């Protein structure tokens, strides 16, 4: 099965994923803004068995989500500090990859059919969301994991 590889800035931590992501989340919550130092994060989600660390051993920071009250585990390189992936108490069989750490960060599809934009209430001025995508003011699911109903945009949303 073909795979995609990625890793940290210094090369000491490398990983690979097999197959396409289950879905892609673009998140604008304060956690993702702080964790990336950017407006938000693009995070393809995979089954845990689709992911393998191939070089090095990540360090883990455990953070309790202000939104769900559940633990989010941030995995990163101890040497250079690059965050590579996240695991979740709420979804123990899933993990998210920081998209910018892939060797080719644009390899996966990012379409209205497989993607969603979450925490738009926290998005900073200048954030733009394309028409046709599923959007959520906050989480896309309840704390218990039940999916919430999205709003699908009929035109581009520009946060001002």
C-alpha atoms as a PDB file:
ATOM      1  CA  UNK A   1       0.000   0.000   0.000  1.00  0.00           C
ATOM      2  CA  UNK A   2       1.406   3.455  -0.861  1.00  0.00           C
ATOM      3  CA  UNK A   3       2.340   5.721   1.988  1.00  0.00           C
ATOM      4  CA  UNK A   4       3.152   9.347   2.691  1.00  0.00           C
ATOM      5  CA  UNK A   5       6.010  10.366   4.966  1.00  0.00           C
ATOM      6  CA  UNK A   6       6.736  13.358   7.116  1.00  0.00           C
ATOM      7  CA  UNK A   7       8.623  14.501  10.148  1.00  0.00           C
ATOM      8  CA  UNK A   8      10.043  17.244  12.263  1.00  0.00           C
ATOM      9  CA  UNK A   9      12.252  20.181  11.383  1.00  0.00           C
ATOM     10  CA  UNK A  10      15.539  18.533  12.421  1.00  0.00           C
ATOM     11  CA  UNK A  11      14.737  15.104  10.933  1.00  0.00           C
ATOM     12  CA  UNK A  12      15.095  13.270  14.245  1.00  0.00           C
ATOM     13  CA  UNK A  13      11.403  12.288  14.275  1.00  0.00           C
ATOM     14  CA  UNK A  14       9.909  10.716  11.148  1.00  0.00           C
ATOM     15  CA  UNK A  15       6.548   9.063  10.487  1.00  0.00           C
ATOM     16  CA  UNK A  16       4.476   7.600   7.687  1.00  0.00           C
ATOM     17  CA  UNK A  17       0.785   7.154   6.992  1.00  0.00           C
ATOM     18  CA  UNK A  18      -0.841   4.585   4.727  1.00  0.00           C
ATOM     19  CA  UNK A  19      -3.974   5.377   2.785  1.00  0.00           C
ATOM     20  CA  UNK A  20      -6.014   8.534   2.566  1.00  0.00           C
ATOM     21  CA  UNK A  21      -7.243  10.423   5.630  1.00  0.00           C
ATOM     22  CA  UNK A  22     -10.684   9.532   6.968  1.00  0.00           C
ATOM     23  CA  UNK A  23     -11.476  13.262   6.865  1.00  0.00           C
ATOM     24  CA  UNK A  24      -9.701  16.608   7.131  1.00  0.00           C
ATOM     25  CA  UNK A  25     -10.395  19.199   9.803  1.00  0.00           C
ATOM     26  CA  UNK A  26      -9.455  22.862   9.564  1.00  0.00           C
ATOM     27  CA  UNK A  27      -9.574  24.115  13.148  1.00  0.00           C
ATOM     28  CA  UNK A  28      -9.431  27.709  14.374  1.00  0.00           C
ATOM     29  CA  UNK A  29      -9.704  27.139  18.151  1.00  0.00           C
ATOM     30  CA  UNK A  30      -7.310  28.917  20.499  1.00  0.00           C
ATOM     31  CA  UNK A  31      -5.514  25.624  21.220  1.00  0.00           C
ATOM     32  CA  UNK A  32      -4.702  25.121  17.510  1.00  0.00           C
ATOM     33  CA  UNK A  33      -3.738  28.771  17.094  1.00  0.00           C
ATOM     34  CA  UNK A  34      -1.340  28.532  20.060  1.00  0.00           C
ATOM     35  CA  UNK A  35      -0.020  25.085  19.119  1.00  0.00           C
ATOM     36  CA  UNK A  36       0.852  26.156  15.563  1.00  0.00           C
ATOM     37  CA  UNK A  37       1.597  29.860  15.995  1.00  0.00           C
ATOM     38  CA  UNK A  38      -0.741  30.400  13.034  1.00  0.00           C
ATOM     39  CA  UNK A  39      -4.376  31.343  12.340  1.00  0.00           C
ATOM     40  CA  UNK A  40      -5.378  27.693  12.735  1.00  0.00           C
ATOM     41  CA  UNK A  41      -4.454  24.170  11.777  1.00  0.00           C
ATOM     42  CA  UNK A  42      -5.218  21.789   8.916  1.00  0.00           C
ATOM     43  CA  UNK A  43      -5.371  18.304  10.383  1.00  0.00           C
ATOM     44  CA  UNK A  44      -5.961  15.157   8.335  1.00  0.00           C
ATOM     45  CA  UNK A  45      -7.424  12.429  10.569  1.00  0.00           C
ATOM     46  CA  UNK A  46      -6.361   8.775  10.273  1.00  0.00           C
ATOM     47  CA  UNK A  47      -7.071   5.472  11.979  1.00  0.00           C
ATOM     48  CA  UNK A  48      -4.229   4.859  14.444  1.00  0.00           C
ATOM     49  CA  UNK A  49      -3.206   1.723  12.520  1.00  0.00           C
ATOM     50  CA  UNK A  50      -2.584   3.904   9.422  1.00  0.00           C
ATOM     51  CA  UNK A  51       0.190   5.793  11.266  1.00  0.00           C
ATOM     52  CA  UNK A  52       3.685   4.702  12.327  1.00  0.00           C
ATOM     53  CA  UNK A  53       6.690   6.541  13.745  1.00  0.00           C
ATOM     54  CA  UNK A  54       9.656   5.340  11.663  1.00  0.00           C
ATOM     55  CA  UNK A  55      12.545   7.286  13.243  1.00  0.00           C
ATOM     56  CA  UNK A  56      12.950   8.630  16.774  1.00  0.00           C
ATOM     57  CA  UNK A  57      10.594   8.664  19.730  1.00  0.00           C
ATOM     58  CA  UNK A  58       8.158  11.549  20.186  1.00  0.00           C
ATOM     59  CA  UNK A  59       7.663  13.286  23.496  1.00  0.00           C
ATOM     60  CA  UNK A  60       4.049  13.756  24.587  1.00  0.00           C
ATOM     61  CA  UNK A  61       2.348  16.742  26.168  1.00  0.00           C
ATOM     62  CA  UNK A  62      -1.102  16.041  27.646  1.00  0.00           C
ATOM     63  CA  UNK A  63      -3.592  18.904  27.469  1.00  0.00           C
ATOM     64  CA  UNK A  64      -7.206  19.027  28.651  1.00  0.00           C
ATOM     65  CA  UNK A  65      -9.414  20.582  25.976  1.00  0.00           C
ATOM     66  CA  UNK A  66     -11.377  23.590  27.166  1.00  0.00           C
ATOM     67  CA  UNK A  67     -14.136  22.659  24.719  1.00  0.00           C
ATOM     68  CA  UNK A  68     -14.641  18.957  25.458  1.00  0.00           C
ATOM     69  CA  UNK A  69     -12.982  18.543  28.854  1.00  0.00           C
ATOM     70  CA  UNK A  70     -11.163  15.539  27.348  1.00  0.00           C
ATOM     71  CA  UNK A  71      -7.426  15.014  27.019  1.00  0.00           C
ATOM     72  CA  UNK A  72      -5.600  15.868  23.778  1.00  0.00           C
ATOM     73  CA  UNK A  73      -2.078  14.438  23.501  1.00  0.00           C
ATOM     74  CA  UNK A  74       0.425  16.486  21.499  1.00  0.00           C
ATOM     75  CA  UNK A  75       3.361  14.439  20.142  1.00  0.00           C
ATOM     76  CA  UNK A  76       6.531  16.354  19.294  1.00  0.00           C
ATOM     77  CA  UNK A  77      10.275  16.153  18.700  1.00  0.00           C
ATOM     78  CA  UNK A  78      12.268  16.724  21.872  1.00  0.00           C
ATOM     79  CA  UNK A  79      15.210  18.164  19.912  1.00  0.00           C
ATOM     80  CA  UNK A  80      13.557  20.791  17.691  1.00  0.00           C
ATOM     81  CA  UNK A  81      10.082  21.035  19.256  1.00  0.00           C
ATOM     82  CA  UNK A  82       8.117  20.336  16.058  1.00  0.00           C
ATOM     83  CA  UNK A  83       4.638  18.979  16.787  1.00  0.00           C
ATOM     84  CA  UNK A  84       3.901  16.097  14.399  1.00  0.00           C
ATOM     85  CA  UNK A  85       0.615  14.544  15.514  1.00  0.00           C
ATOM     86  CA  UNK A  86      -2.208  14.454  18.064  1.00  0.00           C
ATOM     87  CA  UNK A  87      -4.017  11.612  19.798  1.00  0.00           C
ATOM     88  CA  UNK A  88      -7.313  11.985  21.631  1.00  0.00           C
ATOM     89  CA  UNK A  89      -9.003  10.606  24.727  1.00  0.00           C
ATOM     90  CA  UNK A  90     -12.370  11.030  22.959  1.00  0.00           C
ATOM     91  CA  UNK A  91     -11.278   9.050  19.898  1.00  0.00           C
ATOM     92  CA  UNK A  92      -8.618   6.512  20.976  1.00  0.00           C
ATOM     93  CA  UNK A  93      -8.662   4.825  17.543  1.00  0.00           C
ATOM     94  CA  UNK A  94      -7.973   8.070  15.611  1.00  0.00           C
ATOM     95  CA  UNK A  95      -5.102  10.515  15.334  1.00  0.00           C
ATOM     96  CA  UNK A  96      -4.526  13.826  13.625  1.00  0.00           C
ATOM     97  CA  UNK A  97      -1.381  14.853  11.789  1.00  0.00           C
ATOM     98  CA  UNK A  98      -0.139  18.437  11.629  1.00  0.00           C
ATOM     99  CA  UNK A  99      -0.464  18.782   7.841  1.00  0.00           C
ATOM    100  CA  UNK A 100       2.567  21.045   7.495  1.00  0.00           C
ATOM    101  CA  UNK A 101       4.856  18.258   8.739  1.00  0.00           C
ATOM    102  CA  UNK A 102       4.251  16.013   5.715  1.00  0.00           C
ATOM    103  CA  UNK A 103       7.095  15.968   3.193  1.00  0.00           C
ATOM    104  CA  UNK A 104       4.401  17.003   0.697  1.00  0.00           C
ATOM    105  CA  UNK A 105       1.846  18.957   2.780  1.00  0.00           C
ATOM    106  CA  UNK A 106      -0.615  19.118  -0.112  1.00  0.00           C
ATOM    107  CA  UNK A 107      -0.758  15.413  -1.005  1.00  0.00           C
ATOM    108  CA  UNK A 108      -4.251  14.727   0.398  1.00  0.00           C
ATOM    109  CA  UNK A 109      -7.615  15.901  -0.922  1.00  0.00           C
ATOM    110  CA  UNK A 110      -9.137  18.883   0.902  1.00  0.00           C
ATOM    111  CA  UNK A 111     -12.651  19.100  -0.509  1.00  0.00           C
ATOM    112  CA  UNK A 112     -16.197  19.838   0.690  1.00  0.00           C
ATOM    113  CA  UNK A 113     -16.858  16.083   0.639  1.00  0.00           C
ATOM    114  CA  UNK A 114     -14.084  15.122   3.089  1.00  0.00           C
ATOM    115  CA  UNK A 115     -13.416  18.299   5.092  1.00  0.00           C
ATOM    116  CA  UNK A 116     -14.892  20.594   7.720  1.00  0.00           C
ATOM    117  CA  UNK A 117     -14.047  23.920   9.330  1.00  0.00           C
ATOM    118  CA  UNK A 118     -14.494  24.081  13.117  1.00  0.00           C
ATOM    119  CA  UNK A 119     -14.308  26.743  15.841  1.00  0.00           C
ATOM    120  CA  UNK A 120     -15.144  29.579  13.474  1.00  0.00           C
ATOM    121  CA  UNK A 121     -16.286  31.608  16.503  1.00  0.00           C
ATOM    122  CA  UNK A 122     -12.575  31.741  17.456  1.00  0.00           C
ATOM    123  CA  UNK A 123     -11.216  32.475  13.974  1.00  0.00           C
ATOM    124  CA  UNK A 124      -9.171  35.659  13.672  1.00  0.00           C
ATOM    125  CA  UNK A 125      -9.862  38.537  11.306  1.00  0.00           C
ATOM    126  CA  UNK A 126      -8.820  37.736   7.770  1.00  0.00           C
ATOM    127  CA  UNK A 127      -9.726  34.044   7.946  1.00  0.00           C
ATOM    128  CA  UNK A 128     -11.535  32.915   4.801  1.00  0.00           C
ATOM    129  CA  UNK A 129     -13.664  29.786   4.410  1.00  0.00           C
ATOM    130  CA  UNK A 130     -14.625  28.597   0.918  1.00  0.00           C
ATOM    131  CA  UNK A 131     -18.247  28.047  -0.078  1.00  0.00           C
ATOM    132  CA  UNK A 132     -19.613  24.504   0.019  1.00  0.00           C
ATOM    133  CA  UNK A 133     -17.709  23.314   3.098  1.00  0.00           C
ATOM    134  CA  UNK A 134     -19.277  22.100   6.344  1.00  0.00           C
ATOM    135  CA  UNK A 135     -18.725  24.654   9.120  1.00  0.00           C
ATOM    136  CA  UNK A 136     -19.231  24.721  12.882  1.00  0.00           C
ATOM    137  CA  UNK A 137     -19.174  27.623  15.321  1.00  0.00           C
ATOM    138  CA  UNK A 138     -17.325  25.388  17.805  1.00  0.00           C
ATOM    139  CA  UNK A 139     -16.883  21.568  17.933  1.00  0.00           C
ATOM    140  CA  UNK A 140     -18.354  19.275  15.276  1.00  0.00           C
ATOM    141  CA  UNK A 141     -19.458  16.806  17.988  1.00  0.00           C
ATOM    142  CA  UNK A 142     -20.751  16.845  21.548  1.00  0.00           C
ATOM    143  CA  UNK A 143     -18.424  15.968  24.453  1.00  0.00           C
ATOM    144  CA  UNK A 144     -19.891  12.451  24.217  1.00  0.00           C
ATOM    145  CA  UNK A 145     -18.907  12.239  20.535  1.00  0.00           C
ATOM    146  CA  UNK A 146     -22.351  12.668  18.976  1.00  0.00           C
ATOM    147  CA  UNK A 147     -22.081  14.571  15.667  1.00  0.00           C
ATOM    148  CA  UNK A 148     -23.611  18.041  15.434  1.00  0.00           C
ATOM    149  CA  UNK A 149     -25.388  19.432  12.385  1.00  0.00           C
ATOM    150  CA  UNK A 150     -23.103  21.599  10.215  1.00  0.00           C
ATOM    151  CA  UNK A 151     -23.872  24.798   8.382  1.00  0.00           C
ATOM    152  CA  UNK A 152     -22.835  24.565   4.729  1.00  0.00           C
ATOM    153  CA  UNK A 153     -21.775  27.901   3.286  1.00  0.00           C
ATOM    154  CA  UNK A 154     -23.387  29.094   0.078  1.00  0.00           C
ATOM    155  CA  UNK A 155     -20.685  31.729  -0.425  1.00  0.00           C
ATOM    156  CA  UNK A 156     -17.168  32.489   0.820  1.00  0.00           C
ATOM    157  CA  UNK A 157     -17.045  33.489   4.484  1.00  0.00           C
ATOM    158  CA  UNK A 158     -14.556  36.238   5.298  1.00  0.00           C
ATOM    159  CA  UNK A 159     -14.069  36.755   9.064  1.00  0.00           C
ATOM    160  CA  UNK A 160     -13.826  40.491   9.758  1.00  0.00           C
END
